[in-house]
Amino acid sequence: MRRSVLVALAVTALACASATSSAQAPSFPREAHGACPFECCQYGRWTGRAATVARVRPDRRSAEAFLIGRGESVDALTGVVVTLNPGRARATTTLQHEGVTVAAGQEVLVLRPLGEGVFKVWLSGRVFEAQLLPAGESALRLLSEPRIVWWVQIRNGQGRIGWTDQADRFDGTDACG
């Protein structure tokens, strides 16, 4: 019973195909609009803990839109999690779930974190949620984490809108914290 629960947790298929319709590996960078990269992540009212630059576009080379000061409140409107490079995970045993088979030893691409050891993964043109627990506790073992950047669209008190990839400089990002 415990093994079947772990297998069910290890690969929970989403009912949708990935943006890539073929079985060829997806291209990177890969964007997930409206996504959050950790459990309890939230958009809404944030307060700056340190001076932070907001940019015109979600790009470090983009012009500065405005500066958020320490103690300043902003509204985090939405965001995009950009996977710059995927991570990898390997099946420790053959998994069969909702018509998808991951063979023992087969690798999947790890796209982005969702929180608490759950990641979005890609295999053969499909995107899944996978619980990647420490070796011996999961049917999928995380080999390497993806390299991501989280861009957040914010609005300041004057109504100006910009983007930051420095959410760690704000309070209010974590509904659990």
C-alpha atoms as a PDB file:
ATOM      1  CA  MET A   1       0.000   0.000   0.000  1.00  0.00           C
ATOM      2  CA  ARG A   2       2.768   2.443   0.967  1.00  0.00           C
ATOM      3  CA  ARG A   3       4.565   1.805  -2.348  1.00  0.00           C
ATOM      4  CA  SER A   4       1.438   2.517  -4.408  1.00  0.00           C
ATOM      5  CA  VAL A   5       0.877   5.764  -2.504  1.00  0.00           C
ATOM      6  CA  LEU A   6       4.470   6.813  -3.186  1.00  0.00           C
ATOM      7  CA  VAL A   7       4.121   5.936  -6.859  1.00  0.00           C
ATOM      8  CA  ALA A   8       0.875   7.917  -7.054  1.00  0.00           C
ATOM      9  CA  LEU A   9       2.605  10.867  -5.404  1.00  0.00           C
ATOM     10  CA  ALA A  10       5.696  10.483  -7.551  1.00  0.00           C
ATOM     11  CA  VAL A  11       3.948  11.168 -10.837  1.00  0.00           C
ATOM     12  CA  THR A  12       0.573  12.898 -10.910  1.00  0.00           C
ATOM     13  CA  ALA A  13      -0.252  13.531 -14.543  1.00  0.00           C
ATOM     14  CA  LEU A  14      -1.898  16.758 -15.568  1.00  0.00           C
ATOM     15  CA  ALA A  15      -4.665  16.340 -18.104  1.00  0.00           C
ATOM     16  CA  CYS A  16      -3.050  18.684 -20.570  1.00  0.00           C
ATOM     17  CA  ALA A  17      -0.261  18.368 -23.068  1.00  0.00           C
ATOM     18  CA  SER A  18       2.668  20.701 -22.833  1.00  0.00           C
ATOM     19  CA  ALA A  19       3.067  23.707 -25.097  1.00  0.00           C
ATOM     20  CA  THR A  20       5.298  21.459 -27.180  1.00  0.00           C
ATOM     21  CA  SER A  21       3.052  19.135 -29.161  1.00  0.00           C
ATOM     22  CA  SER A  22       5.799  16.789 -30.311  1.00  0.00           C
ATOM     23  CA  ALA A  23       7.879  14.407 -28.226  1.00  0.00           C
ATOM     24  CA  GLN A  24      11.004  16.460 -28.929  1.00  0.00           C
ATOM     25  CA  ALA A  25      12.474  18.154 -25.890  1.00  0.00           C
ATOM     26  CA  PRO A  26      11.028  21.609 -25.272  1.00  0.00           C
ATOM     27  CA  SER A  27      13.110  24.674 -26.003  1.00  0.00           C
ATOM     28  CA  PHE A  28      14.478  26.944 -23.301  1.00  0.00           C
ATOM     29  CA  PRO A  29      14.017  29.469 -21.869  1.00  0.00           C
ATOM     30  CA  ARG A  30      10.447  28.354 -21.127  1.00  0.00           C
ATOM     31  CA  GLU A  31       7.899  30.686 -19.537  1.00  0.00           C
ATOM     32  CA  ALA A  32       5.058  29.864 -17.128  1.00  0.00           C
ATOM     33  CA  HIS A  33       2.860  32.966 -16.895  1.00  0.00           C
ATOM     34  CA  GLY A  34       0.970  33.514 -13.633  1.00  0.00           C
ATOM     35  CA  ALA A  35       3.016  30.812 -11.902  1.00  0.00           C
ATOM     36  CA  CYS A  36       4.681  30.947  -8.492  1.00  0.00           C
ATOM     37  CA  PRO A  37       7.892  29.040  -7.694  1.00  0.00           C
ATOM     38  CA  PHE A  38       7.166  27.869  -4.136  1.00  0.00           C
ATOM     39  CA  GLU A  39       4.380  26.629  -1.890  1.00  0.00           C
ATOM     40  CA  CYS A  40       2.319  29.435  -0.326  1.00  0.00           C
ATOM     41  CA  CYS A  41       3.702  31.890  -2.889  1.00  0.00           C
ATOM     42  CA  GLN A  42       1.269  34.737  -3.347  1.00  0.00           C
ATOM     43  CA  TYR A  43       0.704  37.867  -5.333  1.00  0.00           C
ATOM     44  CA  GLY A  44      -0.929  40.846  -3.647  1.00  0.00           C
ATOM     45  CA  ARG A  45       0.298  43.537  -1.254  1.00  0.00           C
ATOM     46  CA  TRP A  46       4.065  43.388  -0.683  1.00  0.00           C
ATOM     47  CA  THR A  47       6.353  45.661   1.331  1.00  0.00           C
ATOM     48  CA  GLY A  48       9.937  46.423   0.328  1.00  0.00           C
ATOM     49  CA  ARG A  49      12.666  45.329   2.765  1.00  0.00           C
ATOM     50  CA  ALA A  50      15.417  46.924   0.676  1.00  0.00           C
ATOM     51  CA  ALA A  51      15.681  49.362  -2.214  1.00  0.00           C
ATOM     52  CA  THR A  52      14.757  47.484  -5.375  1.00  0.00           C
ATOM     53  CA  VAL A  53      14.759  48.463  -9.031  1.00  0.00           C
ATOM     54  CA  ALA A  54      11.606  47.859 -11.068  1.00  0.00           C
ATOM     55  CA  ARG A  55      12.298  47.425 -14.774  1.00  0.00           C
ATOM     56  CA  VAL A  56      10.183  48.330 -17.810  1.00  0.00           C
ATOM     57  CA  ARG A  57      10.168  44.700 -19.034  1.00  0.00           C
ATOM     58  CA  PRO A  58      11.000  41.381 -17.350  1.00  0.00           C
ATOM     59  CA  ASP A  59      14.614  41.542 -18.468  1.00  0.00           C
ATOM     60  CA  ARG A  60      17.697  42.601 -16.473  1.00  0.00           C
ATOM     61  CA  ARG A  61      18.869  44.626 -19.491  1.00  0.00           C
ATOM     62  CA  SER A  62      15.600  46.570 -19.599  1.00  0.00           C
ATOM     63  CA  ALA A  63      15.514  50.222 -18.542  1.00  0.00           C
ATOM     64  CA  GLU A  64      14.681  51.152 -14.967  1.00  0.00           C
ATOM     65  CA  ALA A  65      10.975  52.007 -14.570  1.00  0.00           C
ATOM     66  CA  PHE A  66      11.165  53.194 -10.949  1.00  0.00           C
ATOM     67  CA  LEU A  67      12.773  52.433  -7.599  1.00  0.00           C
ATOM     68  CA  ILE A  68      10.942  50.803  -4.687  1.00  0.00           C
ATOM     69  CA  GLY A  69      12.193  52.021  -1.334  1.00  0.00           C
ATOM     70  CA  ARG A  70      12.518  50.168   1.944  1.00  0.00           C
ATOM     71  CA  GLY A  71       9.110  50.126   3.667  1.00  0.00           C
ATOM     72  CA  GLU A  72       7.265  51.048   0.466  1.00  0.00           C
ATOM     73  CA  SER A  73       4.130  49.032  -0.346  1.00  0.00           C
ATOM     74  CA  VAL A  74       3.488  47.729  -3.841  1.00  0.00           C
ATOM     75  CA  ASP A  75       0.914  45.476  -5.445  1.00  0.00           C
ATOM     76  CA  ALA A  76       2.367  42.300  -6.945  1.00  0.00           C
ATOM     77  CA  LEU A  77      -0.016  41.813  -9.874  1.00  0.00           C
ATOM     78  CA  THR A  78       1.220  38.670 -11.600  1.00  0.00           C
ATOM     79  CA  GLY A  79       4.444  36.991 -12.591  1.00  0.00           C
ATOM     80  CA  VAL A  80       6.246  34.638 -14.868  1.00  0.00           C
ATOM     81  CA  VAL A  81       8.565  31.817 -13.854  1.00  0.00           C
ATOM     82  CA  VAL A  82      11.201  31.440 -16.555  1.00  0.00           C
ATOM     83  CA  THR A  83      13.071  28.147 -16.749  1.00  0.00           C
ATOM     84  CA  LEU A  84      16.467  29.052 -18.152  1.00  0.00           C
ATOM     85  CA  ASN A  85      17.815  25.479 -18.011  1.00  0.00           C
ATOM     86  CA  PRO A  86      15.895  22.369 -16.998  1.00  0.00           C
ATOM     87  CA  GLY A  87      16.927  20.058 -14.215  1.00  0.00           C
ATOM     88  CA  ARG A  88      16.791  16.276 -14.424  1.00  0.00           C
ATOM     89  CA  ALA A  89      15.217  13.433 -12.458  1.00  0.00           C
ATOM     90  CA  ARG A  90      15.549   9.674 -12.942  1.00  0.00           C
ATOM     91  CA  ALA A  91      12.965   6.979 -12.279  1.00  0.00           C
ATOM     92  CA  THR A  92      14.186   4.466  -9.696  1.00  0.00           C
ATOM     93  CA  THR A  93      11.450   2.033 -10.749  1.00  0.00           C
ATOM     94  CA  THR A  94       8.995   1.798 -13.637  1.00  0.00           C
ATOM     95  CA  LEU A  95       5.991   4.040 -13.081  1.00  0.00           C
ATOM     96  CA  GLN A  96       2.598   3.742 -14.758  1.00  0.00           C
ATOM     97  CA  HIS A  97       0.101   6.457 -13.992  1.00  0.00           C
ATOM     98  CA  GLU A  98      -2.907   7.622 -16.009  1.00  0.00           C
ATOM     99  CA  GLY A  99      -1.620   5.983 -19.169  1.00  0.00           C
ATOM    100  CA  VAL A 100       1.907   7.375 -18.970  1.00  0.00           C
ATOM    101  CA  THR A 101       4.880   5.092 -18.420  1.00  0.00           C
ATOM    102  CA  VAL A 102       8.222   6.209 -17.050  1.00  0.00           C
ATOM    103  CA  ALA A 103      10.668   3.311 -17.335  1.00  0.00           C
ATOM    104  CA  ALA A 104      13.138   2.514 -14.567  1.00  0.00           C
ATOM    105  CA  GLY A 105      16.308   4.466 -15.288  1.00  0.00           C
ATOM    106  CA  GLN A 106      14.546   6.870 -17.646  1.00  0.00           C
ATOM    107  CA  GLU A 107      15.150  10.570 -17.117  1.00  0.00           C
ATOM    108  CA  VAL A 108      12.589  13.367 -17.181  1.00  0.00           C
ATOM    109  CA  LEU A 109      13.255  17.090 -17.526  1.00  0.00           C
ATOM    110  CA  VAL A 110      12.499  19.112 -14.405  1.00  0.00           C
ATOM    111  CA  LEU A 111      10.904  22.394 -15.474  1.00  0.00           C
ATOM    112  CA  ARG A 112      10.197  24.353 -12.289  1.00  0.00           C
ATOM    113  CA  PRO A 113       9.460  23.992  -8.590  1.00  0.00           C
ATOM    114  CA  LEU A 114       5.948  24.185  -7.178  1.00  0.00           C
ATOM    115  CA  GLY A 115       6.946  23.785  -3.522  1.00  0.00           C
ATOM    116  CA  GLU A 116       7.465  21.107  -0.873  1.00  0.00           C
ATOM    117  CA  GLY A 117       9.399  18.829  -3.237  1.00  0.00           C
ATOM    118  CA  VAL A 118       6.818  19.001  -6.037  1.00  0.00           C
ATOM    119  CA  PHE A 119       8.019  20.022  -9.493  1.00  0.00           C
ATOM    120  CA  LYS A 120       6.635  20.371 -13.007  1.00  0.00           C
ATOM    121  CA  VAL A 121       8.384  17.797 -15.187  1.00  0.00           C
ATOM    122  CA  TRP A 122       8.371  17.021 -18.907  1.00  0.00           C
ATOM    123  CA  LEU A 123       8.437  13.664 -20.670  1.00  0.00           C
ATOM    124  CA  SER A 124       7.564  12.814 -24.277  1.00  0.00           C
ATOM    125  CA  GLY A 125       5.595  15.973 -24.956  1.00  0.00           C
ATOM    126  CA  ARG A 126       3.605  15.896 -21.706  1.00  0.00           C
ATOM    127  CA  VAL A 127       3.918  18.011 -18.578  1.00  0.00           C
ATOM    128  CA  PHE A 128       3.312  16.429 -15.161  1.00  0.00           C
ATOM    129  CA  GLU A 129       3.529  17.250 -11.498  1.00  0.00           C
ATOM    130  CA  ALA A 130       6.046  15.029  -9.738  1.00  0.00           C
ATOM    131  CA  GLN A 131       6.940  14.588  -6.093  1.00  0.00           C
ATOM    132  CA  LEU A 132      10.729  14.382  -6.037  1.00  0.00           C
ATOM    133  CA  LEU A 133      11.653  13.185  -2.585  1.00  0.00           C
ATOM    134  CA  PRO A 134      15.056  12.103  -1.285  1.00  0.00           C
ATOM    135  CA  ALA A 135      16.468   8.887  -2.737  1.00  0.00           C
ATOM    136  CA  GLY A 136      14.802   5.785  -1.318  1.00  0.00           C
ATOM    137  CA  GLU A 137      11.555   7.650  -0.579  1.00  0.00           C
ATOM    138  CA  SER A 138      10.417   8.354  -4.117  1.00  0.00           C
ATOM    139  CA  ALA A 139      10.067   6.593  -7.435  1.00  0.00           C
ATOM    140  CA  LEU A 140      11.709   9.644  -9.055  1.00  0.00           C
ATOM    141  CA  ARG A 141      15.085  10.910  -7.830  1.00  0.00           C
ATOM    142  CA  LEU A 142      16.083  14.521  -8.415  1.00  0.00           C
ATOM    143  CA  LEU A 143      19.483  14.652 -10.118  1.00  0.00           C
ATOM    144  CA  SER A 144      19.677  18.403 -10.715  1.00  0.00           C
ATOM    145  CA  GLU A 145      17.392  21.353 -10.076  1.00  0.00           C
ATOM    146  CA  PRO A 146      16.259  23.631 -12.872  1.00  0.00           C
ATOM    147  CA  ARG A 147      17.740  27.116 -13.169  1.00  0.00           C
ATOM    148  CA  ILE A 148      14.845  29.555 -12.976  1.00  0.00           C
ATOM    149  CA  VAL A 149      14.138  33.247 -12.567  1.00  0.00           C
ATOM    150  CA  TRP A 150      10.859  34.595 -11.181  1.00  0.00           C
ATOM    151  CA  TRP A 151       9.774  37.931 -12.632  1.00  0.00           C
ATOM    152  CA  VAL A 152       6.986  39.736 -10.792  1.00  0.00           C
ATOM    153  CA  GLN A 153       4.934  42.578 -12.227  1.00  0.00           C
ATOM    154  CA  ILE A 154       4.390  45.244  -9.575  1.00  0.00           C
ATOM    155  CA  ARG A 155       2.481  48.495  -9.281  1.00  0.00           C
ATOM    156  CA  ASN A 156       3.659  51.241  -6.943  1.00  0.00           C
ATOM    157  CA  GLY A 157       1.555  53.798  -5.047  1.00  0.00           C
ATOM    158  CA  GLN A 158       1.718  56.231  -7.984  1.00  0.00           C
ATOM    159  CA  GLY A 159       0.213  53.617 -10.306  1.00  0.00           C
ATOM    160  CA  ARG A 160       3.448  52.949 -12.218  1.00  0.00           C
ATOM    161  CA  ILE A 161       3.955  49.367 -13.337  1.00  0.00           C
ATOM    162  CA  GLY A 162       7.285  47.571 -13.579  1.00  0.00           C
ATOM    163  CA  TRP A 163       8.967  44.189 -13.189  1.00  0.00           C
ATOM    164  CA  THR A 164      11.403  42.790 -10.626  1.00  0.00           C
ATOM    165  CA  ASP A 165      13.242  39.503 -10.293  1.00  0.00           C
ATOM    166  CA  GLN A 166      14.089  40.287  -6.665  1.00  0.00           C
ATOM    167  CA  ALA A 167      11.003  39.072  -4.806  1.00  0.00           C
ATOM    168  CA  ASP A 168      13.329  38.067  -1.949  1.00  0.00           C
ATOM    169  CA  ARG A 169      13.588  41.800  -1.125  1.00  0.00           C
ATOM    170  CA  PHE A 170       9.894  41.970  -0.160  1.00  0.00           C
ATOM    171  CA  ASP A 171       7.670  40.890   2.721  1.00  0.00           C
ATOM    172  CA  GLY A 172       4.297  39.456   1.765  1.00  0.00           C
ATOM    173  CA  THR A 173       5.468  36.989  -0.884  1.00  0.00           C
ATOM    174  CA  ASP A 174       4.775  33.942   1.307  1.00  0.00           C
ATOM    175  CA  ALA A 175       1.240  33.329   2.619  1.00  0.00           C
ATOM    176  CA  CYS A 176       2.645  30.694   5.008  1.00  0.00           C
ATOM    177  CA  GLY A 177       5.292  32.985   6.480  1.00  0.00           C
END
